[in-house]
Amino acid sequence: PASAVALTLRAVGGLTTRQIARAYLVPEATMAQRISRA
């Protein structure tokens, strides 16, 4: 679920990796890795 949310926010929601990381309360690099894995 966490990866699906991150991927959807980036691919469809139009949010940047930085915005998604802020929403998840994690560093931007961590979120970038999560989206890449997804």
PDB file of all heavy atoms in Angstrom:
ATOM      1  N   PRO A   1       0.812  -1.226   0.000  1.00  0.00           N
ATOM      2  CA  PRO A   1       0.000   0.000   0.000  1.00  0.00           C
ATOM      3  C   PRO A   1       0.842   1.272   0.000  1.00  0.00           C
ATOM      4  O   PRO A   1       0.538   2.217  -0.722  1.00  0.00           O
ATOM      5  CB  PRO A   1      -0.811  -0.140   1.300  1.00  0.00           C
ATOM      6  CG  PRO A   1      -0.942  -1.615   1.494  1.00  0.00           C
ATOM      7  CD  PRO A   1       0.365  -2.189   1.023  1.00  0.00           C
ATOM      8  N   ALA A   2       1.930   1.291   0.790  1.00  0.00           N
ATOM      9  CA  ALA A   2       2.766   2.502   0.846  1.00  0.00           C
ATOM     10  C   ALA A   2       3.407   2.794  -0.507  1.00  0.00           C
ATOM     11  O   ALA A   2       3.440   3.949  -0.959  1.00  0.00           O
ATOM     12  CB  ALA A   2       3.844   2.344   1.919  1.00  0.00           C
ATOM     13  N   SER A   3       3.902   1.753  -1.169  1.00  0.00           N
ATOM     14  CA  SER A   3       4.529   1.953  -2.480  1.00  0.00           C
ATOM     15  C   SER A   3       3.494   2.360  -3.524  1.00  0.00           C
ATOM     16  O   SER A   3       3.759   3.193  -4.394  1.00  0.00           O
ATOM     17  CB  SER A   3       5.239   0.670  -2.922  1.00  0.00           C
ATOM     18  OG  SER A   3       6.325   0.376  -2.072  1.00  0.00           O
ATOM     19  N   ALA A   4       2.312   1.760  -3.460  1.00  0.00           N
ATOM     20  CA  ALA A   4       1.255   2.098  -4.412  1.00  0.00           C
ATOM     21  C   ALA A   4       0.841   3.554  -4.276  1.00  0.00           C
ATOM     22  O   ALA A   4       0.638   4.256  -5.273  1.00  0.00           O
ATOM     23  CB  ALA A   4       0.050   1.177  -4.213  1.00  0.00           C
ATOM     24  N   VAL A   5       0.727   4.013  -3.039  1.00  0.00           N
ATOM     25  CA  VAL A   5       0.357   5.413  -2.817  1.00  0.00           C
ATOM     26  C   VAL A   5       1.424   6.338  -3.383  1.00  0.00           C
ATOM     27  O   VAL A   5       1.130   7.297  -4.109  1.00  0.00           O
ATOM     28  CB  VAL A   5       0.153   5.679  -1.308  1.00  0.00           C
ATOM     29  CG1 VAL A   5       0.018   7.172  -1.053  1.00  0.00           C
ATOM     30  CG2 VAL A   5      -1.086   4.960  -0.799  1.00  0.00           C
ATOM     31  N   ALA A   6       2.689   6.046  -3.067  1.00  0.00           N
ATOM     32  CA  ALA A   6       3.777   6.905  -3.541  1.00  0.00           C
ATOM     33  C   ALA A   6       3.836   6.946  -5.068  1.00  0.00           C
ATOM     34  O   ALA A   6       3.986   8.015  -5.676  1.00  0.00           O
ATOM     35  CB  ALA A   6       5.107   6.413  -2.969  1.00  0.00           C
ATOM     36  N   LEU A   7       3.717   5.775  -5.700  1.00  0.00           N
ATOM     37  CA  LEU A   7       3.778   5.715  -7.156  1.00  0.00           C
ATOM     38  C   LEU A   7       2.609   6.460  -7.793  1.00  0.00           C
ATOM     39  O   LEU A   7       2.779   7.194  -8.770  1.00  0.00           O
ATOM     40  CB  LEU A   7       3.776   4.252  -7.614  1.00  0.00           C
ATOM     41  CG  LEU A   7       3.791   4.024  -9.137  1.00  0.00           C
ATOM     42  CD1 LEU A   7       5.055   4.617  -9.756  1.00  0.00           C
ATOM     43  CD2 LEU A   7       3.693   2.537  -9.446  1.00  0.00           C
ATOM     44  N   THR A   8       1.421   6.309  -7.252  1.00  0.00           N
ATOM     45  CA  THR A   8       0.242   6.958  -7.821  1.00  0.00           C
ATOM     46  C   THR A   8       0.321   8.468  -7.670  1.00  0.00           C
ATOM     47  O   THR A   8      -0.035   9.218  -8.584  1.00  0.00           O
ATOM     48  CB  THR A   8      -1.041   6.428  -7.167  1.00  0.00           C
ATOM     49  OG1 THR A   8      -1.008   5.008  -7.122  1.00  0.00           O
ATOM     50  CG2 THR A   8      -2.269   6.878  -7.935  1.00  0.00           C
ATOM     51  N   LEU A   9       0.791   8.924  -6.512  1.00  0.00           N
ATOM     52  CA  LEU A   9       0.944  10.361  -6.317  1.00  0.00           C
ATOM     53  C   LEU A   9       1.901  10.957  -7.345  1.00  0.00           C
ATOM     54  O   LEU A   9       1.687  12.056  -7.853  1.00  0.00           O
ATOM     55  CB  LEU A   9       1.460  10.637  -4.906  1.00  0.00           C
ATOM     56  CG  LEU A   9       0.468  10.438  -3.759  1.00  0.00           C
ATOM     57  CD1 LEU A   9       1.186  10.534  -2.418  1.00  0.00           C
ATOM     58  CD2 LEU A   9      -0.657  11.452  -3.820  1.00  0.00           C
ATOM     59  N   ARG A  10       2.952  10.206  -7.651  1.00  0.00           N
ATOM     60  CA  ARG A  10       3.957  10.716  -8.591  1.00  0.00           C
ATOM     61  C   ARG A  10       3.472  10.603 -10.035  1.00  0.00           C
ATOM     62  O   ARG A  10       3.608  11.543 -10.827  1.00  0.00           O
ATOM     63  CB  ARG A  10       5.266   9.917  -8.424  1.00  0.00           C
ATOM     64  CG  ARG A  10       6.393  10.412  -9.306  1.00  0.00           C
ATOM     65  CD  ARG A  10       6.893  11.764  -8.821  1.00  0.00           C
ATOM     66  NE  ARG A  10       7.797  12.374  -9.803  1.00  0.00           N
ATOM     67  CZ  ARG A  10       7.396  13.186 -10.759  1.00  0.00           C
ATOM     68  NH1 ARG A  10       6.101  13.502 -10.894  1.00  0.00           N
ATOM     69  NH2 ARG A  10       8.265  13.712 -11.594  1.00  0.00           N
ATOM     70  N   ALA A  11       2.892   9.445 -10.392  1.00  0.00           N
ATOM     71  CA  ALA A  11       2.559   9.176 -11.793  1.00  0.00           C
ATOM     72  C   ALA A  11       1.251   9.827 -12.218  1.00  0.00           C
ATOM     73  O   ALA A  11       1.124  10.268 -13.366  1.00  0.00           O
ATOM     74  CB  ALA A  11       2.486   7.662 -12.030  1.00  0.00           C
ATOM     75  N   VAL A  12       0.272   9.880 -11.331  1.00  0.00           N
ATOM     76  CA  VAL A  12      -1.060  10.377 -11.710  1.00  0.00           C
ATOM     77  C   VAL A  12      -1.423  11.655 -10.978  1.00  0.00           C
ATOM     78  O   VAL A  12      -2.020  12.570 -11.537  1.00  0.00           O
ATOM     79  CB  VAL A  12      -2.142   9.305 -11.434  1.00  0.00           C
ATOM     80  CG1 VAL A  12      -3.490   9.748 -11.995  1.00  0.00           C
ATOM     81  CG2 VAL A  12      -1.738   7.967 -12.032  1.00  0.00           C
ATOM     82  N   GLY A  13      -1.045  11.735  -9.701  1.00  0.00           N
ATOM     83  CA  GLY A  13      -1.436  12.884  -8.897  1.00  0.00           C
ATOM     84  C   GLY A  13      -0.709  14.160  -9.249  1.00  0.00           C
ATOM     85  O   GLY A  13      -1.157  15.248  -8.910  1.00  0.00           O
ATOM     86  N   GLY A  14       0.441  14.039  -9.930  1.00  0.00           N
ATOM     87  CA  GLY A  14       1.162  15.229 -10.343  1.00  0.00           C
ATOM     88  C   GLY A  14       2.049  15.825  -9.274  1.00  0.00           C
ATOM     89  O   GLY A  14       2.576  16.929  -9.439  1.00  0.00           O
ATOM     90  N   LEU A  15       2.263  15.134  -8.144  1.00  0.00           N
ATOM     91  CA  LEU A  15       3.111  15.654  -7.086  1.00  0.00           C
ATOM     92  C   LEU A  15       4.574  15.332  -7.366  1.00  0.00           C
ATOM     93  O   LEU A  15       4.887  14.319  -7.983  1.00  0.00           O
ATOM     94  CB  LEU A  15       2.713  15.059  -5.726  1.00  0.00           C
ATOM     95  CG  LEU A  15       1.593  15.782  -4.965  1.00  0.00           C
ATOM     96  CD1 LEU A  15       0.284  15.707  -5.738  1.00  0.00           C
ATOM     97  CD2 LEU A  15       1.417  15.187  -3.578  1.00  0.00           C
ATOM     98  N   THR A  16       5.466  16.181  -6.892  1.00  0.00           N
ATOM     99  CA  THR A  16       6.884  15.922  -7.030  1.00  0.00           C
ATOM    100  C   THR A  16       7.334  14.962  -5.930  1.00  0.00           C
ATOM    101  O   THR A  16       6.638  14.762  -4.928  1.00  0.00           O
ATOM    102  CB  THR A  16       7.703  17.211  -6.909  1.00  0.00           C
ATOM    103  OG1 THR A  16       7.565  17.735  -5.575  1.00  0.00           O
ATOM    104  CG2 THR A  16       7.226  18.254  -7.913  1.00  0.00           C
ATOM    105  N   THR A  17       8.511  14.385  -6.110  1.00  0.00           N
ATOM    106  CA  THR A  17       9.061  13.502  -5.087  1.00  0.00           C
ATOM    107  C   THR A  17       9.215  14.242  -3.765  1.00  0.00           C
ATOM    108  O   THR A  17       8.954  13.688  -2.692  1.00  0.00           O
ATOM    109  CB  THR A  17      10.430  12.951  -5.545  1.00  0.00           C
ATOM    110  OG1 THR A  17      10.257  12.278  -6.796  1.00  0.00           O
ATOM    111  CG2 THR A  17      10.995  11.976  -4.518  1.00  0.00           C
ATOM    112  N   ARG A  18       9.603  15.502  -3.817  1.00  0.00           N
ATOM    113  CA  ARG A  18       9.770  16.296  -2.600  1.00  0.00           C
ATOM    114  C   ARG A  18       8.437  16.464  -1.868  1.00  0.00           C
ATOM    115  O   ARG A  18       8.369  16.348  -0.638  1.00  0.00           O
ATOM    116  CB  ARG A  18      10.361  17.664  -2.942  1.00  0.00           C
ATOM    117  CG  ARG A  18      10.629  18.547  -1.733  1.00  0.00           C
ATOM    118  CD  ARG A  18      11.293  19.867  -2.131  1.00  0.00           C
ATOM    119  NE  ARG A  18      12.618  19.638  -2.679  1.00  0.00           N
ATOM    120  CZ  ARG A  18      12.943  19.780  -3.955  1.00  0.00           C
ATOM    121  NH1 ARG A  18      12.018  20.134  -4.831  1.00  0.00           N
ATOM    122  NH2 ARG A  18      14.167  19.562  -4.379  1.00  0.00           N
ATOM    123  N   GLN A  19       7.373  16.746  -2.595  1.00  0.00           N
ATOM    124  CA  GLN A  19       6.064  16.922  -1.970  1.00  0.00           C
ATOM    125  C   GLN A  19       5.580  15.618  -1.331  1.00  0.00           C
ATOM    126  O   GLN A  19       5.004  15.627  -0.235  1.00  0.00           O
ATOM    127  CB  GLN A  19       5.054  17.404  -3.015  1.00  0.00           C
ATOM    128  CG  GLN A  19       5.286  18.832  -3.478  1.00  0.00           C
ATOM    129  CD  GLN A  19       4.425  19.187  -4.670  1.00  0.00           C
ATOM    130  OE1 GLN A  19       4.262  18.388  -5.597  1.00  0.00           O
ATOM    131  NE2 GLN A  19       3.869  20.380  -4.677  1.00  0.00           N
ATOM    132  N   ILE A  20       5.794  14.510  -2.014  1.00  0.00           N
ATOM    133  CA  ILE A  20       5.363  13.215  -1.480  1.00  0.00           C
ATOM    134  C   ILE A  20       6.157  12.880  -0.224  1.00  0.00           C
ATOM    135  O   ILE A  20       5.594  12.392   0.777  1.00  0.00           O
ATOM    136  CB  ILE A  20       5.539  12.109  -2.536  1.00  0.00           C
ATOM    137  CG1 ILE A  20       4.716  12.433  -3.791  1.00  0.00           C
ATOM    138  CG2 ILE A  20       5.100  10.758  -1.972  1.00  0.00           C
ATOM    139  CD1 ILE A  20       5.038  11.544  -4.984  1.00  0.00           C
ATOM    140  N   ALA A  21       7.460  13.139  -0.238  1.00  0.00           N
ATOM    141  CA  ALA A  21       8.290  12.870   0.937  1.00  0.00           C
ATOM    142  C   ALA A  21       7.815  13.691   2.121  1.00  0.00           C
ATOM    143  O   ALA A  21       7.761  13.193   3.258  1.00  0.00           O
ATOM    144  CB  ALA A  21       9.753  13.187   0.615  1.00  0.00           C
ATOM    145  N   ARG A  22       7.449  14.925   1.878  1.00  0.00           N
ATOM    146  CA  ARG A  22       6.973  15.777   2.964  1.00  0.00           C
ATOM    147  C   ARG A  22       5.666  15.240   3.543  1.00  0.00           C
ATOM    148  O   ARG A  22       5.450  15.254   4.755  1.00  0.00           O
ATOM    149  CB  ARG A  22       6.774  17.207   2.444  1.00  0.00           C
ATOM    150  CG  ARG A  22       6.452  18.214   3.547  1.00  0.00           C
ATOM    151  CD  ARG A  22       6.438  19.621   2.994  1.00  0.00           C
ATOM    152  NE  ARG A  22       5.357  19.814   2.048  1.00  0.00           N
ATOM    153  CZ  ARG A  22       5.245  20.873   1.263  1.00  0.00           C
ATOM    154  NH1 ARG A  22       6.186  21.816   1.280  1.00  0.00           N
ATOM    155  NH2 ARG A  22       4.226  21.009   0.441  1.00  0.00           N
ATOM    156  N   ALA A  23       4.780  14.748   2.674  1.00  0.00           N
ATOM    157  CA  ALA A  23       3.518  14.185   3.149  1.00  0.00           C
ATOM    158  C   ALA A  23       3.737  12.937   3.992  1.00  0.00           C
ATOM    159  O   ALA A  23       2.999  12.676   4.939  1.00  0.00           O
ATOM    160  CB  ALA A  23       2.615  13.865   1.955  1.00  0.00           C
ATOM    161  N   TYR A  24       4.758  12.159   3.655  1.00  0.00           N
ATOM    162  CA  TYR A  24       5.056  10.916   4.372  1.00  0.00           C
ATOM    163  C   TYR A  24       5.987  11.122   5.558  1.00  0.00           C
ATOM    164  O   TYR A  24       6.294  10.176   6.284  1.00  0.00           O
ATOM    165  CB  TYR A  24       5.703   9.904   3.413  1.00  0.00           C
ATOM    166  CG  TYR A  24       4.725   8.954   2.781  1.00  0.00           C
ATOM    167  CD1 TYR A  24       4.185   9.223   1.535  1.00  0.00           C
ATOM    168  CD2 TYR A  24       4.348   7.791   3.419  1.00  0.00           C
ATOM    169  CE1 TYR A  24       3.292   8.350   0.930  1.00  0.00           C
ATOM    170  CE2 TYR A  24       3.463   6.908   2.835  1.00  0.00           C
ATOM    171  CZ  TYR A  24       2.939   7.194   1.589  1.00  0.00           C
ATOM    172  OH  TYR A  24       2.055   6.322   1.009  1.00  0.00           O
ATOM    173  N   LEU A  25       6.490  12.340   5.732  1.00  0.00           N
ATOM    174  CA  LEU A  25       7.407  12.656   6.834  1.00  0.00           C
ATOM    175  C   LEU A  25       8.702  11.856   6.729  1.00  0.00           C
ATOM    176  O   LEU A  25       9.248  11.384   7.735  1.00  0.00           O
ATOM    177  CB  LEU A  25       6.739  12.406   8.205  1.00  0.00           C
ATOM    178  CG  LEU A  25       5.358  13.028   8.437  1.00  0.00           C
ATOM    179  CD1 LEU A  25       4.846  12.673   9.818  1.00  0.00           C
ATOM    180  CD2 LEU A  25       5.404  14.528   8.245  1.00  0.00           C
ATOM    181  N   VAL A  26       9.218  11.700   5.497  1.00  0.00           N
ATOM    182  CA  VAL A  26      10.475  10.977   5.291  1.00  0.00           C
ATOM    183  C   VAL A  26      11.388  11.837   4.429  1.00  0.00           C
ATOM    184  O   VAL A  26      10.933  12.744   3.719  1.00  0.00           O
ATOM    185  CB  VAL A  26      10.258   9.605   4.613  1.00  0.00           C
ATOM    186  CG1 VAL A  26       9.367   8.722   5.473  1.00  0.00           C
ATOM    187  CG2 VAL A  26       9.666   9.775   3.213  1.00  0.00           C
ATOM    188  N   PRO A  27      12.726  11.578   4.446  1.00  0.00           N
ATOM    189  CA  PRO A  27      13.636  12.328   3.571  1.00  0.00           C
ATOM    190  C   PRO A  27      13.303  12.118   2.104  1.00  0.00           C
ATOM    191  O   PRO A  27      12.798  11.060   1.707  1.00  0.00           O
ATOM    192  CB  PRO A  27      15.014  11.741   3.920  1.00  0.00           C
ATOM    193  CG  PRO A  27      14.859  11.156   5.283  1.00  0.00           C
ATOM    194  CD  PRO A  27      13.441  10.657   5.350  1.00  0.00           C
ATOM    195  N   GLU A  28      13.625  13.106   1.290  1.00  0.00           N
ATOM    196  CA  GLU A  28      13.319  13.021  -0.134  1.00  0.00           C
ATOM    197  C   GLU A  28      14.033  11.847  -0.789  1.00  0.00           C
ATOM    198  O   GLU A  28      13.465  11.157  -1.647  1.00  0.00           O
ATOM    199  CB  GLU A  28      13.707  14.329  -0.828  1.00  0.00           C
ATOM    200  CG  GLU A  28      13.341  14.365  -2.302  1.00  0.00           C
ATOM    201  CD  GLU A  28      13.669  15.692  -2.949  1.00  0.00           C
ATOM    202  OE1 GLU A  28      14.082  16.626  -2.228  1.00  0.00           O
ATOM    203  OE2 GLU A  28      13.530  15.805  -4.176  1.00  0.00           O
ATOM    204  N   ALA A  29      15.299  11.593  -0.373  1.00  0.00           N
ATOM    205  CA  ALA A  29      16.049  10.477  -0.966  1.00  0.00           C
ATOM    206  C   ALA A  29      15.372   9.141  -0.669  1.00  0.00           C
ATOM    207  O   ALA A  29      15.335   8.248  -1.529  1.00  0.00           O
ATOM    208  CB  ALA A  29      17.476  10.469  -0.420  1.00  0.00           C
ATOM    209  N   THR A  30      14.829   9.005   0.530  1.00  0.00           N
ATOM    210  CA  THR A  30      14.125   7.767   0.895  1.00  0.00           C
ATOM    211  C   THR A  30      12.907   7.565   0.013  1.00  0.00           C
ATOM    212  O   THR A  30      12.647   6.457  -0.482  1.00  0.00           O
ATOM    213  CB  THR A  30      13.699   7.818   2.370  1.00  0.00           C
ATOM    214  OG1 THR A  30      14.862   7.959   3.188  1.00  0.00           O
ATOM    215  CG2 THR A  30      12.937   6.554   2.775  1.00  0.00           C
ATOM    216  N   MET A  31      12.157   8.652  -0.210  1.00  0.00           N
ATOM    217  CA  MET A  31      10.961   8.533  -1.048  1.00  0.00           C
ATOM    218  C   MET A  31      11.338   8.248  -2.495  1.00  0.00           C
ATOM    219  O   MET A  31      10.653   7.485  -3.182  1.00  0.00           O
ATOM    220  CB  MET A  31      10.128   9.811  -0.944  1.00  0.00           C
ATOM    221  CG  MET A  31       8.829   9.766  -1.744  1.00  0.00           C
ATOM    222  SD  MET A  31       7.807   8.306  -1.375  1.00  0.00           S
ATOM    223  CE  MET A  31       7.423   8.598   0.349  1.00  0.00           C
ATOM    224  N   ALA A  32      12.423   8.846  -2.980  1.00  0.00           N
ATOM    225  CA  ALA A  32      12.861   8.581  -4.356  1.00  0.00           C
ATOM    226  C   ALA A  32      13.180   7.100  -4.542  1.00  0.00           C
ATOM    227  O   ALA A  32      12.818   6.496  -5.560  1.00  0.00           O
ATOM    228  CB  ALA A  32      14.082   9.433  -4.689  1.00  0.00           C
ATOM    229  N   GLN A  33      13.827   6.502  -3.551  1.00  0.00           N
ATOM    230  CA  GLN A  33      14.133   5.072  -3.617  1.00  0.00           C
ATOM    231  C   GLN A  33      12.858   4.238  -3.597  1.00  0.00           C
ATOM    232  O   GLN A  33      12.744   3.234  -4.311  1.00  0.00           O
ATOM    233  CB  GLN A  33      15.049   4.686  -2.459  1.00  0.00           C
ATOM    234  CG  GLN A  33      16.441   5.281  -2.545  1.00  0.00           C
ATOM    235  CD  GLN A  33      17.269   5.000  -1.296  1.00  0.00           C
ATOM    236  OE1 GLN A  33      16.776   4.430  -0.337  1.00  0.00           O
ATOM    237  NE2 GLN A  33      18.523   5.419  -1.326  1.00  0.00           N
ATOM    238  N   ARG A  34      11.902   4.645  -2.777  1.00  0.00           N
ATOM    239  CA  ARG A  34      10.641   3.896  -2.683  1.00  0.00           C
ATOM    240  C   ARG A  34       9.897   3.922  -4.019  1.00  0.00           C
ATOM    241  O   ARG A  34       9.376   2.901  -4.481  1.00  0.00           O
ATOM    242  CB  ARG A  34       9.759   4.487  -1.572  1.00  0.00           C
ATOM    243  CG  ARG A  34       8.472   3.729  -1.330  1.00  0.00           C
ATOM    244  CD  ARG A  34       7.655   4.352  -0.212  1.00  0.00           C
ATOM    245  NE  ARG A  34       8.384   4.374   1.048  1.00  0.00           N
ATOM    246  CZ  ARG A  34       7.902   4.909   2.165  1.00  0.00           C
ATOM    247  NH1 ARG A  34       6.707   5.485   2.165  1.00  0.00           N
ATOM    248  NH2 ARG A  34       8.616   4.885   3.279  1.00  0.00           N
ATOM    249  N   ILE A  35       9.861   5.090  -4.644  1.00  0.00           N
ATOM    250  CA  ILE A  35       9.175   5.200  -5.933  1.00  0.00           C
ATOM    251  C   ILE A  35       9.915   4.391  -6.996  1.00  0.00           C
ATOM    252  O   ILE A  35       9.293   3.724  -7.831  1.00  0.00           O
ATOM    253  CB  ILE A  35       9.052   6.678  -6.343  1.00  0.00           C
ATOM    254  CG1 ILE A  35       8.124   7.421  -5.373  1.00  0.00           C
ATOM    255  CG2 ILE A  35       8.519   6.808  -7.768  1.00  0.00           C
ATOM    256  CD1 ILE A  35       8.084   8.922  -5.585  1.00  0.00           C
ATOM    257  N   SER A  36      11.237   4.428  -6.954  1.00  0.00           N
ATOM    258  CA  SER A  36      12.017   3.659  -7.923  1.00  0.00           C
ATOM    259  C   SER A  36      11.746   2.166  -7.778  1.00  0.00           C
ATOM    260  O   SER A  36      11.579   1.451  -8.781  1.00  0.00           O
ATOM    261  CB  SER A  36      13.517   3.935  -7.731  1.00  0.00           C
ATOM    262  OG  SER A  36      13.819   5.273  -8.045  1.00  0.00           O
ATOM    263  N   ARG A  37      11.712   1.682  -6.544  1.00  0.00           N
ATOM    264  CA  ARG A  37      11.421   0.261  -6.323  1.00  0.00           C
ATOM    265  C   ARG A  37      10.029  -0.101  -6.820  1.00  0.00           C
ATOM    266  O   ARG A  37       9.823  -1.169  -7.401  1.00  0.00           O
ATOM    267  CB  ARG A  37      11.566  -0.084  -4.836  1.00  0.00           C
ATOM    268  CG  ARG A  37      13.004  -0.141  -4.352  1.00  0.00           C
ATOM    269  CD  ARG A  37      13.086  -0.837  -3.006  1.00  0.00           C
ATOM    270  NE  ARG A  37      12.318  -0.136  -1.982  1.00  0.00           N
ATOM    271  CZ  ARG A  37      12.839   0.809  -1.191  1.00  0.00           C
ATOM    272  NH1 ARG A  37      14.103   1.169  -1.314  1.00  0.00           N
ATOM    273  NH2 ARG A  37      12.087   1.392  -0.280  1.00  0.00           N
ATOM    274  N   ALA A  38       9.081   0.800  -6.589  1.00  0.00           N
ATOM    275  CA  ALA A  38       7.717   0.533  -7.053  1.00  0.00           C
ATOM    276  C   ALA A  38       7.671   0.448  -8.580  1.00  0.00           C
ATOM    277  O   ALA A  38       7.003  -0.424  -9.146  1.00  0.00           O
ATOM    278  CB  ALA A  38       6.770   1.629  -6.558  1.00  0.00           C
TER     279      ALA A  38
END
